[in-house]
Amino acid sequence: MRFGLDIMQNFLVAIDFSEITPVVIAQAESLAAATKSKLWLIHIAEPEPDFVGYQTGPQTERDYIAHKFRKEHRQLQKWAENSRQKGIDAAALLIQGPIVETILAQAQKLAVDLIVVGSHGHSGLYKALVGSISEGILQKADCPVMVIPGRLKTV
């Protein structure tokens, strides 16, 4: 395992399309520019549960999910293009799967040196019921993790 900013070359930036996403990207861009590193902007789409109490045909569900994925993919591509316009090597990935496990699997596959995630600062009850993505990544990651606090609203 490699440590130190001078040898970091590959960053995975977990994107969730929340209000802090632009701040997370800006922080990662700043670090990538300083270290001449590549950014992998990645969004993990959780598998869609069946619509509760709504009898839809399989085609209706597939159309809805496909539309959502296309919209998210376009936004990811736009953010990656914005990074490239700033001189930063960037790529966008949209993958479906369990969030923490998929982020960690992609981090290994891409041989990243740093994972950058945002933290929303949810209450204890929310964490108890849903869990914390950033906390799960921190506990299981094989590389350094940079957590951007949700209270940061600007860069």
C-alpha atoms as a PDB file:
ATOM      1  CA  MET A   1       0.000   0.000   0.000  1.00  0.00           C
ATOM      2  CA  ARG A   2       1.282   3.432  -0.936  1.00  0.00           C
ATOM      3  CA  PHE A   3       0.937   6.510   1.252  1.00  0.00           C
ATOM      4  CA  GLY A   4       1.770  10.171   0.813  1.00  0.00           C
ATOM      5  CA  LEU A   5       0.365  12.763  -1.555  1.00  0.00           C
ATOM      6  CA  ASP A   6       3.472  12.682  -3.725  1.00  0.00           C
ATOM      7  CA  ILE A   7       2.759   9.111  -4.847  1.00  0.00           C
ATOM      8  CA  MET A   8      -1.034   9.236  -5.062  1.00  0.00           C
ATOM      9  CA  GLN A   9      -2.209   9.050  -8.663  1.00  0.00           C
ATOM     10  CA  ASN A  10      -5.707   7.616  -8.677  1.00  0.00           C
ATOM     11  CA  PHE A  11      -8.704   8.940  -6.696  1.00  0.00           C
ATOM     12  CA  LEU A  12     -12.205   7.474  -6.519  1.00  0.00           C
ATOM     13  CA  VAL A  13     -14.844  10.126  -5.774  1.00  0.00           C
ATOM     14  CA  ALA A  14     -18.151   8.676  -4.562  1.00  0.00           C
ATOM     15  CA  ILE A  15     -21.047  10.764  -5.916  1.00  0.00           C
ATOM     16  CA  ASP A  16     -24.559  10.618  -4.437  1.00  0.00           C
ATOM     17  CA  PHE A  17     -26.194  13.627  -6.162  1.00  0.00           C
ATOM     18  CA  SER A  18     -26.849  15.315  -2.803  1.00  0.00           C
ATOM     19  CA  GLU A  19     -26.399  19.037  -2.141  1.00  0.00           C
ATOM     20  CA  ILE A  20     -22.787  18.500  -1.025  1.00  0.00           C
ATOM     21  CA  THR A  21     -21.764  16.727  -4.240  1.00  0.00           C
ATOM     22  CA  PRO A  22     -20.325  19.904  -5.851  1.00  0.00           C
ATOM     23  CA  VAL A  23     -18.225  20.510  -2.718  1.00  0.00           C
ATOM     24  CA  VAL A  24     -16.970  16.907  -2.693  1.00  0.00           C
ATOM     25  CA  ILE A  25     -16.014  17.161  -6.374  1.00  0.00           C
ATOM     26  CA  ALA A  26     -14.318  20.543  -5.887  1.00  0.00           C
ATOM     27  CA  GLN A  27     -12.240  19.225  -2.970  1.00  0.00           C
ATOM     28  CA  ALA A  28     -11.224  16.162  -4.990  1.00  0.00           C
ATOM     29  CA  GLU A  29     -10.385  18.334  -8.023  1.00  0.00           C
ATOM     30  CA  SER A  30      -8.185  20.558  -5.892  1.00  0.00           C
ATOM     31  CA  LEU A  31      -6.260  17.578  -4.560  1.00  0.00           C
ATOM     32  CA  ALA A  32      -6.066  15.924  -7.998  1.00  0.00           C
ATOM     33  CA  ALA A  33      -4.729  19.109  -9.585  1.00  0.00           C
ATOM     34  CA  ALA A  34      -2.053  19.439  -6.904  1.00  0.00           C
ATOM     35  CA  THR A  35      -0.957  15.802  -7.282  1.00  0.00           C
ATOM     36  CA  LYS A  36      -1.655  15.370 -11.016  1.00  0.00           C
ATOM     37  CA  SER A  37      -3.941  12.460 -10.177  1.00  0.00           C
ATOM     38  CA  LYS A  38      -6.829  10.897 -12.072  1.00  0.00           C
ATOM     39  CA  LEU A  39     -10.375  11.243 -10.740  1.00  0.00           C
ATOM     40  CA  TRP A  40     -12.865   8.430 -11.045  1.00  0.00           C
ATOM     41  CA  LEU A  41     -16.292   9.998 -10.418  1.00  0.00           C
ATOM     42  CA  ILE A  42     -18.495   7.086  -9.461  1.00  0.00           C
ATOM     43  CA  HIS A  43     -22.152   6.795  -8.551  1.00  0.00           C
ATOM     44  CA  ILE A  44     -23.547   3.563  -7.185  1.00  0.00           C
ATOM     45  CA  ALA A  45     -27.239   3.080  -7.874  1.00  0.00           C
ATOM     46  CA  GLU A  46     -28.842   0.754  -5.380  1.00  0.00           C
ATOM     47  CA  PRO A  47     -31.010  -1.972  -6.878  1.00  0.00           C
ATOM     48  CA  GLU A  48     -34.552  -0.626  -7.113  1.00  0.00           C
ATOM     49  CA  PRO A  49     -37.069  -2.309  -4.800  1.00  0.00           C
ATOM     50  CA  ASP A  50     -40.483  -3.124  -6.174  1.00  0.00           C
ATOM     51  CA  PHE A  51     -42.912  -0.249  -5.965  1.00  0.00           C
ATOM     52  CA  VAL A  52     -44.888  -0.984  -2.808  1.00  0.00           C
ATOM     53  CA  GLY A  53     -48.610  -1.279  -3.487  1.00  0.00           C
ATOM     54  CA  TYR A  54     -48.254  -0.276  -7.137  1.00  0.00           C
ATOM     55  CA  GLN A  55     -48.925  -2.945  -9.711  1.00  0.00           C
ATOM     56  CA  THR A  56     -46.647  -2.016 -12.567  1.00  0.00           C
ATOM     57  CA  GLY A  57     -45.638  -4.155 -15.442  1.00  0.00           C
ATOM     58  CA  PRO A  58     -41.998  -5.070 -15.826  1.00  0.00           C
ATOM     59  CA  GLN A  59     -41.633  -2.708 -18.812  1.00  0.00           C
ATOM     60  CA  THR A  60     -42.848   0.294 -16.798  1.00  0.00           C
ATOM     61  CA  GLU A  61     -40.275  -0.400 -14.096  1.00  0.00           C
ATOM     62  CA  ARG A  62     -37.485  -0.949 -16.600  1.00  0.00           C
ATOM     63  CA  ASP A  63     -38.369   2.303 -18.388  1.00  0.00           C
ATOM     64  CA  TYR A  64     -38.349   4.260 -15.122  1.00  0.00           C
ATOM     65  CA  ILE A  65     -35.014   2.819 -14.013  1.00  0.00           C
ATOM     66  CA  ALA A  66     -33.464   3.297 -17.463  1.00  0.00           C
ATOM     67  CA  HIS A  67     -34.585   6.951 -17.513  1.00  0.00           C
ATOM     68  CA  LYS A  68     -33.142   7.533 -14.038  1.00  0.00           C
ATOM     69  CA  PHE A  69     -29.823   5.889 -14.971  1.00  0.00           C
ATOM     70  CA  ARG A  70     -29.544   7.911 -18.210  1.00  0.00           C
ATOM     71  CA  LYS A  71     -30.139  11.146 -16.304  1.00  0.00           C
ATOM     72  CA  GLU A  72     -27.571  10.249 -13.629  1.00  0.00           C
ATOM     73  CA  HIS A  73     -25.049   9.116 -16.254  1.00  0.00           C
ATOM     74  CA  ARG A  74     -25.405  12.403 -18.183  1.00  0.00           C
ATOM     75  CA  GLN A  75     -24.785  14.383 -14.988  1.00  0.00           C
ATOM     76  CA  LEU A  76     -21.738  12.278 -14.095  1.00  0.00           C
ATOM     77  CA  GLN A  77     -20.364  12.775 -17.617  1.00  0.00           C
ATOM     78  CA  LYS A  78     -20.925  16.526 -17.309  1.00  0.00           C
ATOM     79  CA  TRP A  79     -18.989  16.664 -14.023  1.00  0.00           C
ATOM     80  CA  ALA A  80     -16.154  14.598 -15.526  1.00  0.00           C
ATOM     81  CA  GLU A  81     -16.038  16.919 -18.556  1.00  0.00           C
ATOM     82  CA  ASN A  82     -15.915  19.960 -16.253  1.00  0.00           C
ATOM     83  CA  SER A  83     -12.927  18.405 -14.470  1.00  0.00           C
ATOM     84  CA  ARG A  84     -11.214  17.678 -17.797  1.00  0.00           C
ATOM     85  CA  GLN A  85     -11.720  21.299 -18.848  1.00  0.00           C
ATOM     86  CA  LYS A  86      -9.745  22.244 -15.725  1.00  0.00           C
ATOM     87  CA  GLY A  87      -6.879  20.018 -16.886  1.00  0.00           C
ATOM     88  CA  ILE A  88      -7.723  17.078 -14.608  1.00  0.00           C
ATOM     89  CA  ASP A  89      -7.857  13.545 -15.991  1.00  0.00           C
ATOM     90  CA  ALA A  90     -11.366  12.371 -15.070  1.00  0.00           C
ATOM     91  CA  ALA A  91     -13.724   9.523 -15.906  1.00  0.00           C
ATOM     92  CA  ALA A  92     -17.300   8.784 -14.836  1.00  0.00           C
ATOM     93  CA  LEU A  93     -18.799   5.439 -13.851  1.00  0.00           C
ATOM     94  CA  LEU A  94     -22.394   4.527 -12.999  1.00  0.00           C
ATOM     95  CA  ILE A  95     -22.745   1.082 -11.453  1.00  0.00           C
ATOM     96  CA  GLN A  96     -25.655  -0.687  -9.803  1.00  0.00           C
ATOM     97  CA  GLY A  97     -25.128  -2.609  -6.580  1.00  0.00           C
ATOM     98  CA  PRO A  98     -24.917  -2.376  -2.803  1.00  0.00           C
ATOM     99  CA  ILE A  99     -23.265   0.993  -2.191  1.00  0.00           C
ATOM    100  CA  VAL A 100     -20.418   0.336   0.258  1.00  0.00           C
ATOM    101  CA  GLU A 101     -19.444  -3.035  -1.177  1.00  0.00           C
ATOM    102  CA  THR A 102     -19.533  -1.768  -4.775  1.00  0.00           C
ATOM    103  CA  ILE A 103     -17.463   1.335  -3.984  1.00  0.00           C
ATOM    104  CA  LEU A 104     -14.848  -0.823  -2.259  1.00  0.00           C
ATOM    105  CA  ALA A 105     -14.816  -3.361  -5.110  1.00  0.00           C
ATOM    106  CA  GLN A 106     -14.320  -0.576  -7.670  1.00  0.00           C
ATOM    107  CA  ALA A 107     -11.584   0.977  -5.534  1.00  0.00           C
ATOM    108  CA  GLN A 108      -9.682  -2.313  -5.674  1.00  0.00           C
ATOM    109  CA  LYS A 109     -10.396  -2.874  -9.368  1.00  0.00           C
ATOM    110  CA  LEU A 110      -9.184   0.629 -10.279  1.00  0.00           C
ATOM    111  CA  ALA A 111      -6.232   0.449  -7.844  1.00  0.00           C
ATOM    112  CA  VAL A 112      -7.141   3.795  -6.298  1.00  0.00           C
ATOM    113  CA  ASP A 113      -4.885   5.510  -3.802  1.00  0.00           C
ATOM    114  CA  LEU A 114      -7.652   7.525  -2.111  1.00  0.00           C
ATOM    115  CA  ILE A 115     -11.432   7.355  -1.780  1.00  0.00           C
ATOM    116  CA  VAL A 116     -13.222  10.707  -1.401  1.00  0.00           C
ATOM    117  CA  VAL A 117     -16.740  10.680   0.067  1.00  0.00           C
ATOM    118  CA  GLY A 118     -19.157  13.186   1.519  1.00  0.00           C
ATOM    119  CA  SER A 119     -20.757  12.846   4.927  1.00  0.00           C
ATOM    120  CA  HIS A 120     -24.266  14.113   5.532  1.00  0.00           C
ATOM    121  CA  GLY A 121     -24.089  14.239   9.314  1.00  0.00           C
ATOM    122  CA  HIS A 122     -27.379  12.400   9.810  1.00  0.00           C
ATOM    123  CA  SER A 123     -28.741  11.815  13.289  1.00  0.00           C
ATOM    124  CA  GLY A 124     -28.042   8.722  15.342  1.00  0.00           C
ATOM    125  CA  LEU A 125     -31.497   7.332  14.557  1.00  0.00           C
ATOM    126  CA  TYR A 126     -30.914   7.603  10.798  1.00  0.00           C
ATOM    127  CA  LYS A 127     -27.521   5.907  11.154  1.00  0.00           C
ATOM    128  CA  ALA A 128     -29.059   3.150  13.283  1.00  0.00           C
ATOM    129  CA  LEU A 129     -31.802   2.481  10.734  1.00  0.00           C
ATOM    130  CA  VAL A 130     -30.011   3.100   7.439  1.00  0.00           C
ATOM    131  CA  GLY A 131     -26.325   3.200   8.297  1.00  0.00           C
ATOM    132  CA  SER A 132     -23.647   5.577   7.143  1.00  0.00           C
ATOM    133  CA  ILE A 133     -22.041   5.061   3.759  1.00  0.00           C
ATOM    134  CA  SER A 134     -18.927   7.031   4.687  1.00  0.00           C
ATOM    135  CA  GLU A 135     -18.599   5.134   7.963  1.00  0.00           C
ATOM    136  CA  GLY A 136     -18.933   1.794   6.179  1.00  0.00           C
ATOM    137  CA  ILE A 137     -16.240   2.795   3.699  1.00  0.00           C
ATOM    138  CA  LEU A 138     -13.942   4.039   6.478  1.00  0.00           C
ATOM    139  CA  GLN A 139     -14.255   0.744   8.342  1.00  0.00           C
ATOM    140  CA  LYS A 140     -13.621  -1.521   5.354  1.00  0.00           C
ATOM    141  CA  ALA A 141     -11.399   0.373   2.902  1.00  0.00           C
ATOM    142  CA  ASP A 142      -7.919  -0.859   2.011  1.00  0.00           C
ATOM    143  CA  CYS A 143      -6.712   2.652   1.153  1.00  0.00           C
ATOM    144  CA  PRO A 144      -6.946   6.110   2.737  1.00  0.00           C
ATOM    145  CA  VAL A 145     -10.401   7.722   2.811  1.00  0.00           C
ATOM    146  CA  MET A 146     -11.059  11.465   2.768  1.00  0.00           C
ATOM    147  CA  VAL A 147     -14.458  12.429   4.219  1.00  0.00           C
ATOM    148  CA  ILE A 148     -15.886  15.839   3.302  1.00  0.00           C
ATOM    149  CA  PRO A 149     -18.302  17.024   6.028  1.00  0.00           C
ATOM    150  CA  GLY A 150     -21.823  17.864   4.920  1.00  0.00           C
ATOM    151  CA  ARG A 151     -21.721  21.204   6.676  1.00  0.00           C
ATOM    152  CA  LEU A 152     -19.268  22.533   4.052  1.00  0.00           C
ATOM    153  CA  LYS A 153     -21.473  24.343   1.563  1.00  0.00           C
ATOM    154  CA  THR A 154     -18.827  26.102  -0.511  1.00  0.00           C
ATOM    155  CA  VAL A 155     -15.265  25.497  -1.522  1.00  0.00           C
END
